[in-house]
């Protein structure tokens, strides 16, 4: 049988003037000064880590010792997968001799990882979740990495990283990498949200979408409804509402980055509320909810705990957790309205009958 070839006229070609990630950062900052050069270089290192992790994931099912658990438990009390360890070590490796950051903090490490030789000149901290969606690892579904960059404040001689215990508005950049049919990197330095797609033939992340704007309303709600009876009644009220009204579609993939990516582009709302036993929720504030909140606000959306904007939450420890309601402004406001209404009803019940 003769080979079937796609007509050359239908084969898409890249623009000759491709905008790479590092070039885009410099254009965003409209500067070639030291700070701009530093941020561009940091983004380049994050991109390198993403390429290494993406390559490993693409061959994970063919290599021994890549999938499965290590048998250890991390600081979060979660079983550690081999890919979690690899991805965490990749981030450390690409920054260790960069001279760019003084410390790294991730969910896989109890305390920040210091790079003393970088500290005199590396004025930044990188916070990251090396592999988000580990439950998808062994079944070849979407995964991601999340990151945030903060300015280092103080000498931090005691190693406690107390300057990180500030709200998310202290972030100077944030983003994520989505490992899917193609590898994408999405970032913001406070000047809009932009996405890049890895071109394997060039080995470069190329600009694919600029100034992404989240719709003010979307039809998608994304939440693990298996936790329905563990939520506060207000969240159950919201879920009952979308069940009874037309125009809503449930989409949940079990990986925060993948679910967030859909909401960012198509609108709607993603929820990971706390439970009655754990009202603080499961997601980590510094390297999961705050970075994504930074991106969503830059795209015109909102991120809330249900009672407070995520970016205003001040953590009390490095691995602090927070509930997350994130997405289109109208959809986040609707979820909050159920929370506020339930709180109002509870307040009225608590009042003496004479006062009512």
C-alpha atoms as a PDB file:
ATOM      1  CA  UNK A   1       0.000   0.000   0.000  1.00  0.00           C
ATOM      2  CA  UNK A   2       1.360   3.403  -0.925  1.00  0.00           C
ATOM      3  CA  UNK A   3       2.307   5.730   1.903  1.00  0.00           C
ATOM      4  CA  UNK A   4      -0.291   8.389   2.574  1.00  0.00           C
ATOM      5  CA  UNK A   5       1.275  11.771   2.960  1.00  0.00           C
ATOM      6  CA  UNK A   6      -0.346  14.876   4.299  1.00  0.00           C
ATOM      7  CA  UNK A   7      -0.499  17.624   1.633  1.00  0.00           C
ATOM      8  CA  UNK A   8       2.246  20.124   2.284  1.00  0.00           C
ATOM      9  CA  UNK A   9      -0.284  22.943   2.080  1.00  0.00           C
ATOM     10  CA  UNK A  10      -2.003  21.564   5.186  1.00  0.00           C
ATOM     11  CA  UNK A  11       1.125  21.149   7.268  1.00  0.00           C
ATOM     12  CA  UNK A  12       1.291  24.091   9.694  1.00  0.00           C
ATOM     13  CA  UNK A  13       4.596  25.910   9.802  1.00  0.00           C
ATOM     14  CA  UNK A  14       6.075  27.943  12.621  1.00  0.00           C
ATOM     15  CA  UNK A  15       6.428  31.675  12.241  1.00  0.00           C
ATOM     16  CA  UNK A  16      10.047  32.390  11.392  1.00  0.00           C
ATOM     17  CA  UNK A  17      10.162  34.994  14.150  1.00  0.00           C
ATOM     18  CA  UNK A  18       9.364  32.594  17.004  1.00  0.00           C
ATOM     19  CA  UNK A  19       9.200  34.223  20.415  1.00  0.00           C
ATOM     20  CA  UNK A  20      11.036  32.130  22.983  1.00  0.00           C
ATOM     21  CA  UNK A  21      10.316  32.200  26.705  1.00  0.00           C
ATOM     22  CA  UNK A  22      13.479  34.074  27.733  1.00  0.00           C
ATOM     23  CA  UNK A  23      13.004  36.660  25.008  1.00  0.00           C
ATOM     24  CA  UNK A  24       9.359  37.155  26.019  1.00  0.00           C
ATOM     25  CA  UNK A  25      10.293  37.869  29.652  1.00  0.00           C
ATOM     26  CA  UNK A  26      12.719  40.588  28.560  1.00  0.00           C
ATOM     27  CA  UNK A  27      10.084  42.065  26.251  1.00  0.00           C
ATOM     28  CA  UNK A  28       7.533  42.039  29.080  1.00  0.00           C
ATOM     29  CA  UNK A  29       9.883  43.919  31.381  1.00  0.00           C
ATOM     30  CA  UNK A  30      11.048  46.228  28.576  1.00  0.00           C
ATOM     31  CA  UNK A  31      14.492  46.092  30.063  1.00  0.00           C
ATOM     32  CA  UNK A  32      17.837  44.382  29.789  1.00  0.00           C
ATOM     33  CA  UNK A  33      18.853  45.470  33.285  1.00  0.00           C
ATOM     34  CA  UNK A  34      20.092  43.086  35.999  1.00  0.00           C
ATOM     35  CA  UNK A  35      16.615  42.327  37.414  1.00  0.00           C
ATOM     36  CA  UNK A  36      15.181  41.577  33.979  1.00  0.00           C
ATOM     37  CA  UNK A  37      18.169  39.412  33.122  1.00  0.00           C
ATOM     38  CA  UNK A  38      17.772  37.516  36.399  1.00  0.00           C
ATOM     39  CA  UNK A  39      14.073  36.799  35.856  1.00  0.00           C
ATOM     40  CA  UNK A  40      14.695  35.755  32.278  1.00  0.00           C
ATOM     41  CA  UNK A  41      17.470  33.412  33.409  1.00  0.00           C
ATOM     42  CA  UNK A  42      15.297  31.944  36.195  1.00  0.00           C
ATOM     43  CA  UNK A  43      12.500  31.263  33.710  1.00  0.00           C
ATOM     44  CA  UNK A  44      15.053  29.619  31.423  1.00  0.00           C
ATOM     45  CA  UNK A  45      16.110  27.300  34.267  1.00  0.00           C
ATOM     46  CA  UNK A  46      12.490  26.428  35.048  1.00  0.00           C
ATOM     47  CA  UNK A  47      12.024  25.653  31.359  1.00  0.00           C
ATOM     48  CA  UNK A  48      15.082  23.377  31.461  1.00  0.00           C
ATOM     49  CA  UNK A  49      13.641  21.504  34.447  1.00  0.00           C
ATOM     50  CA  UNK A  50      10.351  21.153  32.563  1.00  0.00           C
ATOM     51  CA  UNK A  51      12.128  19.704  29.512  1.00  0.00           C
ATOM     52  CA  UNK A  52      13.982  17.148  31.620  1.00  0.00           C
ATOM     53  CA  UNK A  53      10.820  16.090  33.469  1.00  0.00           C
ATOM     54  CA  UNK A  54       8.828  15.964  30.226  1.00  0.00           C
ATOM     55  CA  UNK A  55      11.446  13.739  28.611  1.00  0.00           C
ATOM     56  CA  UNK A  56      11.422  11.407  31.621  1.00  0.00           C
ATOM     57  CA  UNK A  57       7.625  11.197  31.624  1.00  0.00           C
ATOM     58  CA  UNK A  58       7.493  10.451  27.892  1.00  0.00           C
ATOM     59  CA  UNK A  59       9.561   7.300  28.486  1.00  0.00           C
ATOM     60  CA  UNK A  60       8.289   6.435  31.975  1.00  0.00           C
ATOM     61  CA  UNK A  61       6.500   3.265  30.921  1.00  0.00           C
ATOM     62  CA  UNK A  62       9.607   1.933  29.152  1.00  0.00           C
ATOM     63  CA  UNK A  63      12.203   2.500  31.874  1.00  0.00           C
ATOM     64  CA  UNK A  64      12.697   0.569  35.088  1.00  0.00           C
ATOM     65  CA  UNK A  65      12.575   2.385  38.413  1.00  0.00           C
ATOM     66  CA  UNK A  66      10.551   5.353  37.153  1.00  0.00           C
ATOM     67  CA  UNK A  67       6.991   4.531  38.178  1.00  0.00           C
ATOM     68  CA  UNK A  68       5.632   3.383  41.525  1.00  0.00           C
ATOM     69  CA  UNK A  69       6.297   4.358  45.141  1.00  0.00           C
ATOM     70  CA  UNK A  70       9.597   4.757  46.950  1.00  0.00           C
ATOM     71  CA  UNK A  71       8.179   3.397  50.200  1.00  0.00           C
ATOM     72  CA  UNK A  72       8.801   6.723  51.981  1.00  0.00           C
ATOM     73  CA  UNK A  73       6.377   9.352  53.276  1.00  0.00           C
ATOM     74  CA  UNK A  74       6.938  13.088  52.777  1.00  0.00           C
ATOM     75  CA  UNK A  75       6.404  15.936  55.225  1.00  0.00           C
ATOM     76  CA  UNK A  76       2.765  16.099  54.124  1.00  0.00           C
ATOM     77  CA  UNK A  77       2.199  12.535  55.301  1.00  0.00           C
ATOM     78  CA  UNK A  78       1.779  11.353  51.704  1.00  0.00           C
ATOM     79  CA  UNK A  79       3.402   8.330  50.071  1.00  0.00           C
ATOM     80  CA  UNK A  80       6.243   9.448  47.816  1.00  0.00           C
ATOM     81  CA  UNK A  81       6.430   8.306  44.220  1.00  0.00           C
ATOM     82  CA  UNK A  82       9.720   7.821  42.427  1.00  0.00           C
ATOM     83  CA  UNK A  83       8.832  10.495  39.888  1.00  0.00           C
ATOM     84  CA  UNK A  84       8.188  12.990  42.718  1.00  0.00           C
ATOM     85  CA  UNK A  85      11.739  12.462  43.929  1.00  0.00           C
ATOM     86  CA  UNK A  86      13.210  12.698  40.440  1.00  0.00           C
ATOM     87  CA  UNK A  87      11.345  15.919  39.616  1.00  0.00           C
ATOM     88  CA  UNK A  88      12.330  17.520  42.919  1.00  0.00           C
ATOM     89  CA  UNK A  89      15.982  16.643  42.332  1.00  0.00           C
ATOM     90  CA  UNK A  90      15.783  18.065  38.804  1.00  0.00           C
ATOM     91  CA  UNK A  91      14.728  21.482  40.126  1.00  0.00           C
ATOM     92  CA  UNK A  92      17.534  21.423  42.692  1.00  0.00           C
ATOM     93  CA  UNK A  93      20.075  20.375  40.081  1.00  0.00           C
ATOM     94  CA  UNK A  94      19.231  23.028  37.495  1.00  0.00           C
ATOM     95  CA  UNK A  95      19.400  25.831  40.083  1.00  0.00           C
ATOM     96  CA  UNK A  96      22.286  24.601  42.234  1.00  0.00           C
ATOM     97  CA  UNK A  97      25.056  26.260  40.239  1.00  0.00           C
ATOM     98  CA  UNK A  98      22.952  28.955  38.606  1.00  0.00           C
ATOM     99  CA  UNK A  99      23.835  31.814  40.958  1.00  0.00           C
ATOM    100  CA  UNK A 100      20.186  32.856  40.646  1.00  0.00           C
ATOM    101  CA  UNK A 101      18.341  31.677  43.756  1.00  0.00           C
ATOM    102  CA  UNK A 102      19.414  31.346  47.359  1.00  0.00           C
ATOM    103  CA  UNK A 103      16.842  28.748  48.365  1.00  0.00           C
ATOM    104  CA  UNK A 104      14.239  26.354  47.025  1.00  0.00           C
ATOM    105  CA  UNK A 105      11.089  25.242  48.837  1.00  0.00           C
ATOM    106  CA  UNK A 106       8.810  22.427  47.734  1.00  0.00           C
ATOM    107  CA  UNK A 107       6.238  20.046  49.138  1.00  0.00           C
ATOM    108  CA  UNK A 108       8.774  17.231  48.939  1.00  0.00           C
ATOM    109  CA  UNK A 109      11.148  18.878  51.445  1.00  0.00           C
ATOM    110  CA  UNK A 110      10.533  19.492  55.130  1.00  0.00           C
ATOM    111  CA  UNK A 111      12.554  22.731  55.089  1.00  0.00           C
ATOM    112  CA  UNK A 112      13.827  25.036  52.336  1.00  0.00           C
ATOM    113  CA  UNK A 113      16.887  23.851  50.461  1.00  0.00           C
ATOM    114  CA  UNK A 114      19.639  26.439  50.737  1.00  0.00           C
ATOM    115  CA  UNK A 115      22.354  27.045  48.161  1.00  0.00           C
ATOM    116  CA  UNK A 116      24.906  29.000  50.237  1.00  0.00           C
ATOM    117  CA  UNK A 117      27.195  29.747  47.320  1.00  0.00           C
ATOM    118  CA  UNK A 118      24.304  31.495  45.555  1.00  0.00           C
ATOM    119  CA  UNK A 119      23.052  33.504  48.522  1.00  0.00           C
ATOM    120  CA  UNK A 120      25.363  36.541  48.174  1.00  0.00           C
ATOM    121  CA  UNK A 121      24.068  37.129  44.630  1.00  0.00           C
ATOM    122  CA  UNK A 122      20.922  35.026  44.304  1.00  0.00           C
ATOM    123  CA  UNK A 123      18.250  37.354  45.621  1.00  0.00           C
ATOM    124  CA  UNK A 124      15.291  35.061  44.904  1.00  0.00           C
ATOM    125  CA  UNK A 125      13.424  32.071  46.303  1.00  0.00           C
ATOM    126  CA  UNK A 126      11.758  29.478  44.108  1.00  0.00           C
ATOM    127  CA  UNK A 127       8.729  27.703  45.549  1.00  0.00           C
ATOM    128  CA  UNK A 128       7.407  24.753  43.588  1.00  0.00           C
ATOM    129  CA  UNK A 129       5.369  21.602  43.453  1.00  0.00           C
ATOM    130  CA  UNK A 130       7.617  19.377  41.314  1.00  0.00           C
ATOM    131  CA  UNK A 131       4.881  16.936  40.281  1.00  0.00           C
ATOM    132  CA  UNK A 132       1.217  17.816  40.719  1.00  0.00           C
ATOM    133  CA  UNK A 133      -1.281  15.007  40.193  1.00  0.00           C
ATOM    134  CA  UNK A 134       0.876  12.086  41.253  1.00  0.00           C
ATOM    135  CA  UNK A 135      -2.161   9.817  41.292  1.00  0.00           C
ATOM    136  CA  UNK A 136      -2.166  10.104  37.483  1.00  0.00           C
ATOM    137  CA  UNK A 137       1.468   9.033  37.143  1.00  0.00           C
ATOM    138  CA  UNK A 138       1.054   5.300  36.678  1.00  0.00           C
ATOM    139  CA  UNK A 139      -1.899   5.577  34.269  1.00  0.00           C
ATOM    140  CA  UNK A 140      -0.415   8.086  31.793  1.00  0.00           C
ATOM    141  CA  UNK A 141      -2.802  10.994  32.457  1.00  0.00           C
ATOM    142  CA  UNK A 142      -2.096  14.720  32.727  1.00  0.00           C
ATOM    143  CA  UNK A 143       0.462  15.934  35.255  1.00  0.00           C
ATOM    144  CA  UNK A 144       1.957  19.296  36.042  1.00  0.00           C
ATOM    145  CA  UNK A 145       4.514  21.357  37.924  1.00  0.00           C
ATOM    146  CA  UNK A 146       3.660  24.610  39.714  1.00  0.00           C
ATOM    147  CA  UNK A 147       6.103  27.369  40.619  1.00  0.00           C
ATOM    148  CA  UNK A 148       6.358  30.830  42.148  1.00  0.00           C
ATOM    149  CA  UNK A 149       9.234  33.267  42.473  1.00  0.00           C
ATOM    150  CA  UNK A 150       9.642  35.576  45.451  1.00  0.00           C
ATOM    151  CA  UNK A 151      12.227  38.187  46.290  1.00  0.00           C
ATOM    152  CA  UNK A 152      14.496  37.153  49.119  1.00  0.00           C
ATOM    153  CA  UNK A 153      14.115  39.462  52.126  1.00  0.00           C
ATOM    154  CA  UNK A 154      16.671  39.573  54.934  1.00  0.00           C
ATOM    155  CA  UNK A 155      19.668  37.358  55.565  1.00  0.00           C
ATOM    156  CA  UNK A 156      17.626  34.454  56.899  1.00  0.00           C
ATOM    157  CA  UNK A 157      20.573  33.307  58.980  1.00  0.00           C
ATOM    158  CA  UNK A 158      18.489  31.019  61.187  1.00  0.00           C
ATOM    159  CA  UNK A 159      17.215  29.081  58.176  1.00  0.00           C
ATOM    160  CA  UNK A 160      13.556  29.543  59.129  1.00  0.00           C
ATOM    161  CA  UNK A 161      12.601  31.454  55.940  1.00  0.00           C
ATOM    162  CA  UNK A 162      10.225  33.662  57.904  1.00  0.00           C
ATOM    163  CA  UNK A 163       9.998  36.159  55.048  1.00  0.00           C
ATOM    164  CA  UNK A 164       8.059  33.528  53.081  1.00  0.00           C
ATOM    165  CA  UNK A 165       5.243  33.749  55.629  1.00  0.00           C
ATOM    166  CA  UNK A 166       3.661  36.642  53.770  1.00  0.00           C
ATOM    167  CA  UNK A 167       0.661  36.841  51.477  1.00  0.00           C
ATOM    168  CA  UNK A 168       0.652  35.886  47.815  1.00  0.00           C
ATOM    169  CA  UNK A 169       0.873  39.461  46.618  1.00  0.00           C
ATOM    170  CA  UNK A 170       4.574  39.206  47.450  1.00  0.00           C
ATOM    171  CA  UNK A 171       5.035  36.863  44.484  1.00  0.00           C
ATOM    172  CA  UNK A 172       6.847  38.510  41.602  1.00  0.00           C
ATOM    173  CA  UNK A 173       6.155  35.669  39.153  1.00  0.00           C
ATOM    174  CA  UNK A 174       4.228  32.419  39.028  1.00  0.00           C
ATOM    175  CA  UNK A 175       3.309  29.719  36.571  1.00  0.00           C
ATOM    176  CA  UNK A 176       2.930  26.067  35.827  1.00  0.00           C
ATOM    177  CA  UNK A 177       3.971  23.389  33.367  1.00  0.00           C
ATOM    178  CA  UNK A 178       1.371  21.033  31.911  1.00  0.00           C
ATOM    179  CA  UNK A 179       2.639  17.661  30.711  1.00  0.00           C
ATOM    180  CA  UNK A 180      -0.023  16.490  28.270  1.00  0.00           C
ATOM    181  CA  UNK A 181      -0.307  15.802  24.523  1.00  0.00           C
ATOM    182  CA  UNK A 182       2.154  18.673  24.281  1.00  0.00           C
ATOM    183  CA  UNK A 183       4.207  20.213  27.076  1.00  0.00           C
ATOM    184  CA  UNK A 184       3.063  23.733  27.885  1.00  0.00           C
ATOM    185  CA  UNK A 185       4.469  26.375  30.210  1.00  0.00           C
ATOM    186  CA  UNK A 186       2.186  29.169  31.403  1.00  0.00           C
ATOM    187  CA  UNK A 187       3.563  32.114  33.361  1.00  0.00           C
ATOM    188  CA  UNK A 188       2.992  35.663  34.538  1.00  0.00           C
ATOM    189  CA  UNK A 189       5.302  38.313  35.933  1.00  0.00           C
ATOM    190  CA  UNK A 190       2.376  40.593  36.751  1.00  0.00           C
ATOM    191  CA  UNK A 191       1.892  41.694  33.147  1.00  0.00           C
ATOM    192  CA  UNK A 192      -0.764  39.295  31.911  1.00  0.00           C
ATOM    193  CA  UNK A 193      -0.724  35.524  31.478  1.00  0.00           C
ATOM    194  CA  UNK A 194       1.067  33.890  28.562  1.00  0.00           C
ATOM    195  CA  UNK A 195       1.459  30.282  27.407  1.00  0.00           C
ATOM    196  CA  UNK A 196       4.310  28.561  25.598  1.00  0.00           C
ATOM    197  CA  UNK A 197       4.420  25.186  23.895  1.00  0.00           C
ATOM    198  CA  UNK A 198       7.538  23.062  23.823  1.00  0.00           C
ATOM    199  CA  UNK A 199       8.718  22.435  20.263  1.00  0.00           C
ATOM    200  CA  UNK A 200      10.770  19.208  20.562  1.00  0.00           C
ATOM    201  CA  UNK A 201      12.512  19.854  17.249  1.00  0.00           C
ATOM    202  CA  UNK A 202      13.892  23.172  18.524  1.00  0.00           C
ATOM    203  CA  UNK A 203      14.127  22.266  22.201  1.00  0.00           C
ATOM    204  CA  UNK A 204      12.505  25.608  22.966  1.00  0.00           C
ATOM    205  CA  UNK A 205       9.275  26.823  24.532  1.00  0.00           C
ATOM    206  CA  UNK A 206       7.598  28.950  21.849  1.00  0.00           C
ATOM    207  CA  UNK A 207       4.910  31.557  22.552  1.00  0.00           C
ATOM    208  CA  UNK A 208       1.497  30.102  21.681  1.00  0.00           C
ATOM    209  CA  UNK A 209      -1.026  32.362  23.486  1.00  0.00           C
ATOM    210  CA  UNK A 210      -0.466  35.878  24.799  1.00  0.00           C
ATOM    211  CA  UNK A 211      -2.536  37.884  27.283  1.00  0.00           C
ATOM    212  CA  UNK A 212      -4.897  35.024  28.140  1.00  0.00           C
ATOM    213  CA  UNK A 213      -8.230  36.227  29.520  1.00  0.00           C
ATOM    214  CA  UNK A 214     -10.550  33.966  31.499  1.00  0.00           C
ATOM    215  CA  UNK A 215     -14.253  34.395  30.587  1.00  0.00           C
ATOM    216  CA  UNK A 216     -16.326  36.093  33.277  1.00  0.00           C
ATOM    217  CA  UNK A 217     -18.607  33.035  33.342  1.00  0.00           C
ATOM    218  CA  UNK A 218     -18.211  29.439  32.235  1.00  0.00           C
ATOM    219  CA  UNK A 219     -20.301  26.290  32.172  1.00  0.00           C
ATOM    220  CA  UNK A 220     -17.680  24.037  33.780  1.00  0.00           C
ATOM    221  CA  UNK A 221     -17.484  23.170  37.447  1.00  0.00           C
ATOM    222  CA  UNK A 222     -14.554  21.011  38.495  1.00  0.00           C
ATOM    223  CA  UNK A 223     -14.588  19.273  41.876  1.00  0.00           C
ATOM    224  CA  UNK A 224     -14.149  15.817  43.373  1.00  0.00           C
ATOM    225  CA  UNK A 225     -17.766  15.010  44.178  1.00  0.00           C
ATOM    226  CA  UNK A 226     -16.629  11.855  45.950  1.00  0.00           C
ATOM    227  CA  UNK A 227     -16.020  14.144  48.941  1.00  0.00           C
ATOM    228  CA  UNK A 228     -19.614  15.476  48.893  1.00  0.00           C
ATOM    229  CA  UNK A 229     -20.592  14.295  52.365  1.00  0.00           C
ATOM    230  CA  UNK A 230     -17.331  15.539  53.891  1.00  0.00           C
ATOM    231  CA  UNK A 231     -17.949  19.175  52.873  1.00  0.00           C
ATOM    232  CA  UNK A 232     -19.645  21.956  54.708  1.00  0.00           C
ATOM    233  CA  UNK A 233     -23.346  22.253  53.898  1.00  0.00           C
ATOM    234  CA  UNK A 234     -22.749  25.473  51.927  1.00  0.00           C
ATOM    235  CA  UNK A 235     -20.603  23.667  49.339  1.00  0.00           C
ATOM    236  CA  UNK A 236     -23.194  20.903  49.102  1.00  0.00           C
ATOM    237  CA  UNK A 237     -25.820  23.616  48.494  1.00  0.00           C
ATOM    238  CA  UNK A 238     -23.809  24.893  45.533  1.00  0.00           C
ATOM    239  CA  UNK A 239     -23.415  21.413  44.050  1.00  0.00           C
ATOM    240  CA  UNK A 240     -27.152  20.781  44.418  1.00  0.00           C
ATOM    241  CA  UNK A 241     -27.772  24.080  42.602  1.00  0.00           C
ATOM    242  CA  UNK A 242     -25.657  23.170  39.555  1.00  0.00           C
ATOM    243  CA  UNK A 243     -27.243  19.698  39.478  1.00  0.00           C
ATOM    244  CA  UNK A 244     -30.703  21.237  39.228  1.00  0.00           C
ATOM    245  CA  UNK A 245     -29.967  23.950  36.656  1.00  0.00           C
ATOM    246  CA  UNK A 246     -29.160  23.559  32.987  1.00  0.00           C
ATOM    247  CA  UNK A 247     -25.967  24.934  31.506  1.00  0.00           C
ATOM    248  CA  UNK A 248     -23.418  23.313  33.831  1.00  0.00           C
ATOM    249  CA  UNK A 249     -20.951  20.576  32.951  1.00  0.00           C
ATOM    250  CA  UNK A 250     -18.790  18.604  35.396  1.00  0.00           C
ATOM    251  CA  UNK A 251     -15.139  18.092  34.450  1.00  0.00           C
ATOM    252  CA  UNK A 252     -12.588  16.701  36.904  1.00  0.00           C
ATOM    253  CA  UNK A 253      -9.315  15.014  36.027  1.00  0.00           C
ATOM    254  CA  UNK A 254      -7.664  14.558  39.414  1.00  0.00           C
ATOM    255  CA  UNK A 255      -4.666  16.795  38.657  1.00  0.00           C
ATOM    256  CA  UNK A 256      -4.836  20.416  39.781  1.00  0.00           C
ATOM    257  CA  UNK A 257      -2.787  21.812  36.889  1.00  0.00           C
ATOM    258  CA  UNK A 258      -4.857  20.078  34.209  1.00  0.00           C
ATOM    259  CA  UNK A 259      -8.165  21.118  35.754  1.00  0.00           C
ATOM    260  CA  UNK A 260      -6.943  24.671  36.316  1.00  0.00           C
ATOM    261  CA  UNK A 261      -5.658  24.913  32.732  1.00  0.00           C
ATOM    262  CA  UNK A 262      -9.134  24.134  31.411  1.00  0.00           C
ATOM    263  CA  UNK A 263     -10.756  26.755  33.634  1.00  0.00           C
ATOM    264  CA  UNK A 264      -8.136  29.380  32.747  1.00  0.00           C
ATOM    265  CA  UNK A 265      -8.889  29.071  29.036  1.00  0.00           C
ATOM    266  CA  UNK A 266     -12.586  28.148  29.029  1.00  0.00           C
ATOM    267  CA  UNK A 267     -13.961  29.683  32.217  1.00  0.00           C
ATOM    268  CA  UNK A 268     -15.980  28.145  35.016  1.00  0.00           C
ATOM    269  CA  UNK A 269     -14.838  27.246  38.505  1.00  0.00           C
ATOM    270  CA  UNK A 270     -12.519  24.757  40.179  1.00  0.00           C
ATOM    271  CA  UNK A 271     -13.165  23.881  43.811  1.00  0.00           C
ATOM    272  CA  UNK A 272     -11.070  22.091  46.377  1.00  0.00           C
ATOM    273  CA  UNK A 273     -12.855  23.021  49.609  1.00  0.00           C
ATOM    274  CA  UNK A 274     -11.901  22.010  53.083  1.00  0.00           C
ATOM    275  CA  UNK A 275     -13.787  19.250  54.836  1.00  0.00           C
ATOM    276  CA  UNK A 276     -15.543  19.186  58.183  1.00  0.00           C
ATOM    277  CA  UNK A 277     -12.550  17.380  59.697  1.00  0.00           C
ATOM    278  CA  UNK A 278      -9.925  19.427  57.805  1.00  0.00           C
ATOM    279  CA  UNK A 279     -11.364  22.881  57.097  1.00  0.00           C
ATOM    280  CA  UNK A 280      -7.961  24.098  55.890  1.00  0.00           C
ATOM    281  CA  UNK A 281      -8.228  21.767  52.883  1.00  0.00           C
ATOM    282  CA  UNK A 282      -5.532  19.707  51.195  1.00  0.00           C
ATOM    283  CA  UNK A 283      -3.771  22.096  48.807  1.00  0.00           C
ATOM    284  CA  UNK A 284      -0.627  23.938  49.900  1.00  0.00           C
ATOM    285  CA  UNK A 285      -0.818  27.718  49.905  1.00  0.00           C
ATOM    286  CA  UNK A 286       2.736  28.776  49.027  1.00  0.00           C
ATOM    287  CA  UNK A 287       3.355  26.497  46.077  1.00  0.00           C
ATOM    288  CA  UNK A 288      -0.101  25.509  44.828  1.00  0.00           C
ATOM    289  CA  UNK A 289      -3.005  27.841  45.570  1.00  0.00           C
ATOM    290  CA  UNK A 290      -1.166  31.199  45.752  1.00  0.00           C
ATOM    291  CA  UNK A 291       0.749  30.748  42.445  1.00  0.00           C
ATOM    292  CA  UNK A 292      -2.439  29.733  40.622  1.00  0.00           C
ATOM    293  CA  UNK A 293      -4.346  32.599  42.254  1.00  0.00           C
ATOM    294  CA  UNK A 294      -1.663  34.993  40.975  1.00  0.00           C
ATOM    295  CA  UNK A 295      -2.197  33.679  37.451  1.00  0.00           C
ATOM    296  CA  UNK A 296      -5.986  33.720  37.647  1.00  0.00           C
ATOM    297  CA  UNK A 297      -6.137  37.315  38.854  1.00  0.00           C
ATOM    298  CA  UNK A 298      -3.768  38.323  36.058  1.00  0.00           C
ATOM    299  CA  UNK A 299      -6.172  36.655  33.607  1.00  0.00           C
ATOM    300  CA  UNK A 300      -9.142  38.592  34.990  1.00  0.00           C
ATOM    301  CA  UNK A 301     -10.542  35.847  37.216  1.00  0.00           C
ATOM    302  CA  UNK A 302     -10.657  35.346  40.970  1.00  0.00           C
ATOM    303  CA  UNK A 303      -9.354  32.963  43.608  1.00  0.00           C
ATOM    304  CA  UNK A 304     -10.895  32.645  47.049  1.00  0.00           C
ATOM    305  CA  UNK A 305     -10.929  30.490  50.145  1.00  0.00           C
ATOM    306  CA  UNK A 306     -14.676  31.116  50.231  1.00  0.00           C
ATOM    307  CA  UNK A 307     -14.322  33.972  52.696  1.00  0.00           C
ATOM    308  CA  UNK A 308     -11.059  35.661  51.648  1.00  0.00           C
ATOM    309  CA  UNK A 309      -9.050  36.265  48.492  1.00  0.00           C
ATOM    310  CA  UNK A 310      -6.300  33.634  48.272  1.00  0.00           C
ATOM    311  CA  UNK A 311      -3.638  36.282  47.609  1.00  0.00           C
ATOM    312  CA  UNK A 312      -4.470  37.961  50.936  1.00  0.00           C
ATOM    313  CA  UNK A 313      -4.008  34.815  53.028  1.00  0.00           C
ATOM    314  CA  UNK A 314      -0.925  34.889  55.263  1.00  0.00           C
ATOM    315  CA  UNK A 315       0.505  31.416  55.970  1.00  0.00           C
ATOM    316  CA  UNK A 316       1.596  30.467  59.481  1.00  0.00           C
ATOM    317  CA  UNK A 317       4.097  27.886  58.217  1.00  0.00           C
ATOM    318  CA  UNK A 318       5.845  26.893  54.992  1.00  0.00           C
ATOM    319  CA  UNK A 319       3.508  23.988  54.299  1.00  0.00           C
ATOM    320  CA  UNK A 320       0.279  25.771  55.254  1.00  0.00           C
ATOM    321  CA  UNK A 321      -2.835  24.644  53.408  1.00  0.00           C
ATOM    322  CA  UNK A 322      -5.876  26.522  52.154  1.00  0.00           C
ATOM    323  CA  UNK A 323      -9.235  25.789  50.533  1.00  0.00           C
ATOM    324  CA  UNK A 324      -9.444  26.864  46.900  1.00  0.00           C
ATOM    325  CA  UNK A 325     -12.289  28.271  44.808  1.00  0.00           C
ATOM    326  CA  UNK A 326     -10.817  29.611  41.569  1.00  0.00           C
ATOM    327  CA  UNK A 327     -12.007  30.622  38.128  1.00  0.00           C
ATOM    328  CA  UNK A 328     -14.377  33.055  36.434  1.00  0.00           C
ATOM    329  CA  UNK A 329     -15.401  36.030  38.560  1.00  0.00           C
ATOM    330  CA  UNK A 330     -19.133  35.307  38.348  1.00  0.00           C
ATOM    331  CA  UNK A 331     -18.740  31.615  39.147  1.00  0.00           C
ATOM    332  CA  UNK A 332     -16.450  32.204  42.136  1.00  0.00           C
ATOM    333  CA  UNK A 333     -18.889  34.840  43.406  1.00  0.00           C
ATOM    334  CA  UNK A 334     -21.749  32.356  43.118  1.00  0.00           C
ATOM    335  CA  UNK A 335     -19.937  29.755  45.233  1.00  0.00           C
ATOM    336  CA  UNK A 336     -19.120  32.462  47.790  1.00  0.00           C
ATOM    337  CA  UNK A 337     -22.791  33.504  47.876  1.00  0.00           C
ATOM    338  CA  UNK A 338     -23.782  30.030  49.098  1.00  0.00           C
ATOM    339  CA  UNK A 339     -21.072  30.179  51.770  1.00  0.00           C
ATOM    340  CA  UNK A 340     -22.159  33.647  52.925  1.00  0.00           C
ATOM    341  CA  UNK A 341     -25.843  32.668  52.955  1.00  0.00           C
ATOM    342  CA  UNK A 342     -25.189  29.574  55.036  1.00  0.00           C
ATOM    343  CA  UNK A 343     -23.037  31.622  57.459  1.00  0.00           C
ATOM    344  CA  UNK A 344     -25.842  34.180  57.774  1.00  0.00           C
ATOM    345  CA  UNK A 345     -28.378  31.466  58.537  1.00  0.00           C
ATOM    346  CA  UNK A 346     -26.087  29.924  61.159  1.00  0.00           C
ATOM    347  CA  UNK A 347     -25.555  33.342  62.760  1.00  0.00           C
ATOM    348  CA  UNK A 348     -29.307  33.886  62.989  1.00  0.00           C
ATOM    349  CA  UNK A 349     -29.814  30.483  64.589  1.00  0.00           C
ATOM    350  CA  UNK A 350     -27.174  31.302  67.179  1.00  0.00           C
ATOM    351  CA  UNK A 351     -28.956  34.483  68.250  1.00  0.00           C
ATOM    352  CA  UNK A 352     -31.365  34.407  71.231  1.00  0.00           C
ATOM    353  CA  UNK A 353     -35.011  34.224  70.097  1.00  0.00           C
ATOM    354  CA  UNK A 354     -35.723  37.637  71.650  1.00  0.00           C
ATOM    355  CA  UNK A 355     -33.100  39.270  69.448  1.00  0.00           C
ATOM    356  CA  UNK A 356     -34.549  37.663  66.297  1.00  0.00           C
END
